[in-house]
Each structure stands twice: as C-alpha cells, then as structure tokens.
Amino acid sequence: MMVTYIHETELHKGIEAAMKALNQADIVIGKNQDREDSLKEIRLLMDIDSVQDIKITMAMPTGLETLVDYVLEIVEGTKDFEKDMYGYTYHDLFSKNIDFVINRLKEDPGTRQATLHVANQEAARLNHPPCLQLIHYTVKDGKLNTDVVFRSNDGVKAVAMNIFALIELSRMIAREAGINELGSYTHHALSFHAYSRDWKALEGYCKSFDDRDCTIDYEDYREAYEDFADECREKSIELKNAQEQKNR
C-alpha cells in the first residue's frame, strides 16, 4: 500500500484532506483487523507546519463536553481506573515516562530520546491492543515538534479527537519543559481506515467541508474546558468509586 502524504500549514485543513483521501480510497473486502467488515483504507502520513494556533475541526461524533473529557483522559489520566477493564489506557501506558521526557527536553533540547512509548509487548497481545504506538518530541528553533505513530486509526470516529488530545498533551509537556511554543505535528497512521458502517458519515463530513466552515476556534474550546472540566473530573471519580465498590 502506497503512502498518502498530506502537507498543510493548518491542522484542520490536514484532517479534512486526510478524510477526503480516505473517502476516495479503494475498498478492502473481508475480515480486516479485528472485525468482519469491509474497509476503506490508506496508509497516511500527515505533516502540519504548526499547531500552536489552531482551529478545531468538529468532524467527530461528539460535542465539546465529550472532547474535554477525552483530553482529560489523555493529559491527566482521569480514566486510568479503566485499565483493569480494558487491559490498558493510553495515559497509564505512557505516564511513567512523562517526567523523563520533560527532564530530557529541559536538560538537552537537542535530544532524540524524548519518546513516550505507548505500546509494549504485553499490551500487544491483548485482544484489542493499543492503536497508538509512540509519541516522539523534538525541539527546533525553540518550538516543540510532535511525531505520532498509530498502527491503526479510525478515520471517522476517532482521528479528530485523537489528534487534538495529543496536541493538548504536547502543550502540557512544552509548558512543563519551559518551551514557549508548539511547532510541527506529524501523524503517521499505518492503517487509516473507515468501516463500511461509517462510510455515509465520512461522505457527509467530506461534503460539509466544501459547504461550510466545520471548525471552531481554540478559544471556544477553552471556554468549554472552563465550563466542563471540573464536572468531567467529578464524573470520572464517581465512575472509579462505583467500579471499586463493584469489585469488592
């Protein structure tokens, strides 16, 4: 499978171009990955010049409250209690190395060792192994660049949320490492796909990109964060307590 390469200056334009490319992809028939379903599938490499100031595409099956909740899950680990249910959470897998990455970037901004290894061999043997594999950080011209590798990435229901949450993780790491600005973002999805049940939604998103502006400003997200973050944290604590009670 040839690589579909997308280069854009702005994040939302890159995501829209990636979804349009997926919409035009050939159909793969038969059992694919872990499901009996047909796929549209490409191998995606997307480069975005800068993600410091972004517009957020709302081509996702959720609203802002759920997006805030997902960012908290990735950045703060508010759903780490679910690792016993699913075998892992992304945050639980990489959280032990966050301080290492921040310290390496502080000590040596030219380091090539600032990598969060998300997947491991134990997790890889699960029935539903992690899709996210690694996150690599480099500094150039005083800006923090982010490179992400997914072995498998849902191009309809997950990609926009995945990318935004990982950029928010980069903001946190940059802040803690004393880096003032985010630089580039590179997204490598070895299987960037849409299951047949989602083709109509994908086509609808792609049509909407041409018909209207499907983005919100980052400031709008920050307002939603102020409105919903504490409530989302409280709900996660309630779910954790309920799970602990159930397991007693």
Protein backbone atom coordinates (compact mmCIF):
# COMPACT_ATOMS: atom_id res chain seq x y z
CA MET A 1 0.00 0.00 0.00
CA MET A 2 1.46 3.35 -1.04
CA VAL A 3 1.67 6.16 1.49
CA THR A 4 -0.78 9.03 1.14
CA TYR A 5 1.24 12.12 2.05
CA ILE A 6 -0.54 15.29 3.14
CA HIS A 7 1.21 18.54 3.98
CA GLU A 8 -0.75 21.51 5.25
CA THR A 9 0.03 24.68 7.18
CA GLU A 10 -3.08 24.35 9.36
CA LEU A 11 -4.33 21.38 11.37
CA HIS A 12 -8.00 21.41 10.32
CA LYS A 13 -7.04 21.53 6.64
CA GLY A 14 -4.81 18.49 7.12
CA ILE A 15 -7.53 16.48 8.83
CA GLU A 16 -10.07 17.44 6.18
CA ALA A 17 -7.66 16.44 3.39
CA ALA A 18 -6.94 13.12 5.11
CA MET A 19 -10.65 12.31 5.44
CA LYS A 20 -11.25 13.24 1.80
CA ALA A 21 -8.41 10.96 0.72
CA LEU A 22 -9.89 8.15 2.80
CA ASN A 23 -13.32 8.72 1.29
CA GLN A 24 -11.83 8.15 -2.17
CA ALA A 25 -9.85 5.04 -1.14
CA ASP A 26 -10.32 1.57 -2.54
CA ILE A 27 -12.49 -0.86 -0.60
CA VAL A 28 -10.81 -3.79 1.12
CA ILE A 29 -13.10 -6.82 1.31
CA GLY A 30 -13.27 -9.46 4.03
CA LYS A 31 -12.03 -9.72 7.58
CA ASN A 32 -9.82 -6.78 8.45
CA GLN A 33 -8.01 -6.21 11.70
CA ASP A 34 -10.34 -7.45 14.45
CA ARG A 35 -13.69 -7.13 12.67
CA GLU A 36 -15.75 -8.84 10.00
CA ASP A 37 -16.29 -5.76 7.89
CA SER A 38 -15.20 -4.06 4.69
CA LEU A 39 -12.85 -1.12 4.90
CA LYS A 40 -11.76 1.91 3.05
CA GLU A 41 -8.10 2.16 3.96
CA ILE A 42 -4.96 4.17 3.27
CA ARG A 43 -1.55 4.49 4.84
CA LEU A 44 -1.41 8.08 5.99
CA LEU A 45 1.47 10.45 6.65
CA MET A 46 0.24 13.93 7.52
CA ASP A 47 2.55 16.88 8.25
CA ILE A 48 1.23 20.09 9.77
CA ASP A 49 3.65 23.03 9.89
CA SER A 50 2.49 24.45 13.22
CA VAL A 51 -0.12 23.56 15.83
CA GLN A 52 0.48 26.47 18.18
CA ASP A 53 -2.59 28.35 16.99
CA ILE A 54 -5.25 26.01 15.64
CA LYS A 55 -8.82 25.72 14.58
CA ILE A 56 -10.53 22.53 15.72
CA THR A 57 -12.49 20.52 13.20
CA MET A 58 -15.75 19.26 14.62
CA ALA A 59 -15.83 16.31 12.21
CA MET A 60 -16.29 13.98 15.16
CA PRO A 61 -19.28 12.10 16.59
CA THR A 62 -19.24 14.06 19.85
CA GLY A 63 -19.71 17.53 21.28
CA LEU A 64 -17.37 19.77 23.22
CA GLU A 65 -18.10 18.24 26.63
CA THR A 66 -17.01 14.80 25.42
CA LEU A 67 -13.94 16.32 23.78
CA VAL A 68 -12.98 17.96 27.07
CA ASP A 69 -13.49 14.63 28.83
CA TYR A 70 -11.24 12.87 26.32
CA VAL A 71 -8.49 15.48 26.67
CA LEU A 72 -8.56 14.99 30.44
CA GLU A 73 -8.32 11.23 29.90
CA ILE A 74 -5.16 11.64 27.78
CA VAL A 75 -3.46 14.50 29.63
CA GLU A 76 -4.46 13.85 33.26
CA GLY A 77 -5.31 10.15 33.25
CA THR A 78 -8.82 10.65 34.61
CA LYS A 79 -9.88 7.26 33.18
CA ASP A 80 -6.82 5.26 34.24
CA PHE A 81 -9.05 3.22 36.56
CA GLU A 82 -10.44 1.61 33.40
CA LYS A 83 -7.15 -0.17 32.71
CA ASP A 84 -8.40 -3.19 34.66
CA MET A 85 -11.47 -3.27 32.43
CA TYR A 86 -9.73 -2.90 29.07
CA GLY A 87 -6.21 -4.03 29.86
CA TYR A 88 -4.71 -0.56 29.49
CA THR A 89 -5.36 3.10 28.97
CA TYR A 90 -3.09 5.24 26.82
CA HIS A 91 -2.25 7.51 29.74
CA ASP A 92 -1.45 4.58 32.02
CA LEU A 93 0.92 3.15 29.41
CA PHE A 94 2.92 6.33 28.84
CA SER A 95 2.52 8.23 32.12
CA LYS A 96 5.54 6.67 33.80
CA ASN A 97 7.78 8.28 31.18
CA ILE A 98 6.28 11.78 31.07
CA ASP A 99 8.66 13.16 33.72
CA PHE A 100 11.60 11.52 31.90
CA VAL A 101 10.60 13.18 28.62
CA ILE A 102 10.14 16.59 30.25
CA ASN A 103 13.50 16.34 32.02
CA ARG A 104 15.31 15.25 28.84
CA LEU A 105 13.86 18.23 26.96
CA LYS A 106 14.94 20.56 29.78
CA GLU A 107 18.45 19.14 30.02
CA ASP A 108 19.10 18.78 26.30
CA PRO A 109 16.69 20.45 23.86
CA GLY A 110 18.55 18.70 21.03
CA THR A 111 17.80 15.24 22.42
CA ARG A 112 16.42 12.44 20.26
CA GLN A 113 15.37 10.47 23.36
CA ALA A 114 12.18 12.31 24.31
CA THR A 115 9.82 9.49 23.36
CA LEU A 116 6.68 8.22 25.04
CA HIS A 117 6.49 4.52 24.19
CA VAL A 118 2.79 3.80 24.42
CA ALA A 119 2.61 0.20 23.26
CA ASN A 120 4.52 -2.72 24.77
CA GLN A 121 4.62 -6.44 24.04
CA GLU A 122 2.27 -7.31 26.88
CA ALA A 123 -0.35 -4.86 25.62
CA ALA A 124 0.25 -6.00 22.04
CA ARG A 125 -1.03 -9.49 22.98
CA LEU A 126 -4.42 -8.22 24.15
CA ASN A 127 -7.49 -8.97 22.06
CA HIS A 128 -7.78 -5.24 21.42
CA PRO A 129 -4.20 -3.92 21.56
CA PRO A 130 -3.38 -0.20 21.66
CA CYS A 131 -3.75 1.63 18.36
CA LEU A 132 -1.40 4.43 19.44
CA GLN A 133 2.20 3.20 19.42
CA LEU A 134 4.52 6.10 20.26
CA ILE A 135 4.81 9.87 20.61
CA HIS A 136 8.17 11.48 19.87
CA TYR A 137 9.16 15.04 20.74
CA THR A 138 11.93 17.19 19.32
CA VAL A 139 12.81 20.86 19.68
CA LYS A 140 13.81 23.06 16.76
CA ASP A 141 14.06 26.84 16.74
CA GLY A 142 12.69 26.85 20.28
CA LYS A 143 9.48 25.05 19.31
CA LEU A 144 8.27 21.61 20.39
CA ASN A 145 7.56 19.30 17.45
CA THR A 146 5.39 16.20 17.86
CA ASP A 147 5.55 12.97 15.84
CA VAL A 148 2.87 10.34 16.44
CA VAL A 149 2.58 6.76 15.16
CA PHE A 150 -0.67 4.77 15.12
CA ARG A 151 -0.73 1.16 13.97
CA SER A 152 -4.46 1.56 13.33
CA ASN A 153 -6.56 4.73 13.30
CA ASP A 154 -10.30 5.15 12.77
CA GLY A 155 -10.58 7.96 10.24
CA VAL A 156 -14.22 8.78 11.03
CA LYS A 157 -14.93 8.34 14.73
CA ALA A 158 -11.52 8.84 16.31
CA VAL A 159 -8.91 10.79 14.35
CA ALA A 160 -10.02 14.36 15.08
CA MET A 161 -10.32 13.66 18.81
CA ASN A 162 -7.08 11.67 18.91
CA ILE A 163 -5.05 14.42 17.29
CA PHE A 164 -6.48 17.26 19.32
CA ALA A 165 -5.95 15.45 22.63
CA LEU A 166 -2.36 14.61 21.70
CA ILE A 167 -1.70 18.24 20.82
CA GLU A 168 -3.04 19.23 24.23
CA LEU A 169 -0.63 16.70 25.74
CA SER A 170 2.16 18.42 23.79
CA ARG A 171 1.07 21.79 25.21
CA MET A 172 1.34 20.41 28.72
CA ILE A 173 4.78 18.90 28.09
CA ALA A 174 6.02 22.09 26.45
CA ARG A 175 4.79 24.16 29.39
CA GLU A 176 6.47 21.89 31.95
CA ALA A 177 9.70 21.81 29.93
CA GLY A 178 9.81 25.59 29.63
CA ILE A 179 9.20 25.62 25.87
CA ASN A 180 7.07 28.55 24.81
CA GLU A 181 5.63 27.40 21.51
CA LEU A 182 4.46 24.31 19.66
CA GLY A 183 5.94 23.60 16.26
CA SER A 184 5.02 20.91 13.76
CA TYR A 185 2.77 17.89 14.19
CA THR A 186 3.28 14.70 12.15
CA HIS A 187 0.67 11.95 12.17
CA HIS A 188 1.60 8.52 10.79
CA ALA A 189 -1.26 6.02 10.63
CA LEU A 190 -0.21 2.65 9.22
CA SER A 191 -3.88 1.80 8.70
CA PHE A 192 -6.08 4.88 8.39
CA HIS A 193 -9.48 3.42 7.77
CA ALA A 194 -13.25 3.69 7.73
CA TYR A 195 -15.51 0.69 8.33
CA SER A 196 -18.45 0.24 5.97
CA ARG A 197 -20.94 1.25 8.66
CA ASP A 198 -19.25 4.69 8.76
CA TRP A 199 -18.96 5.40 5.01
CA LYS A 200 -22.08 7.54 4.89
CA ALA A 201 -20.86 9.61 7.83
CA LEU A 202 -17.45 10.00 6.16
CA GLU A 203 -19.05 11.11 2.91
CA GLY A 204 -21.23 13.56 4.83
CA TYR A 205 -18.22 15.06 6.60
CA CYS A 206 -16.35 15.45 3.31
CA LYS A 207 -19.31 17.18 1.68
CA SER A 208 -19.70 19.52 4.66
CA PHE A 209 -16.05 20.59 4.38
CA ASP A 210 -16.86 22.09 0.97
CA ASP A 211 -20.21 23.56 2.01
CA ARG A 212 -19.34 25.37 5.23
CA ASP A 213 -16.73 26.05 7.88
CA CYS A 214 -16.71 22.98 10.15
CA THR A 215 -14.26 24.38 12.70
CA ILE A 216 -14.31 26.19 16.00
CA ASP A 217 -11.63 28.49 17.37
CA TYR A 218 -9.31 27.21 20.08
CA GLU A 219 -10.68 29.90 22.39
CA ASP A 220 -14.13 28.29 22.07
CA TYR A 221 -12.64 25.02 23.29
CA ARG A 222 -11.01 26.79 26.21
CA GLU A 223 -14.37 28.25 27.21
CA ALA A 224 -15.89 24.76 27.07
CA TYR A 225 -12.97 23.47 29.13
CA GLU A 226 -13.69 26.01 31.84
CA ASP A 227 -17.37 25.02 31.77
CA PHE A 228 -16.99 21.24 31.76
CA ALA A 229 -13.56 20.17 33.07
CA ASP A 230 -14.38 20.02 36.77
CA GLU A 231 -17.66 18.24 36.09
CA CYS A 232 -15.88 15.69 33.91
CA ARG A 233 -13.30 15.07 36.62
CA GLU A 234 -16.05 14.56 39.20
CA LYS A 235 -17.88 12.10 36.94
CA SER A 236 -14.67 10.13 36.46
CA ILE A 237 -14.20 9.94 40.23
CA GLU A 238 -17.78 8.71 40.62
CA LEU A 239 -17.22 6.03 37.97
CA LYS A 240 -13.97 4.98 39.65
CA ASN A 241 -15.69 4.70 43.05
CA ALA A 242 -18.55 2.71 41.54
CA GLN A 243 -16.12 0.30 39.91
CA GLU A 244 -14.21 -0.15 43.16
CA GLN A 245 -17.45 -0.85 45.02
CA LYS A 246 -18.44 -3.41 42.39
CA ASN A 247 -15.10 -5.19 42.63
CA ARG A 248 -15.19 -5.55 46.41
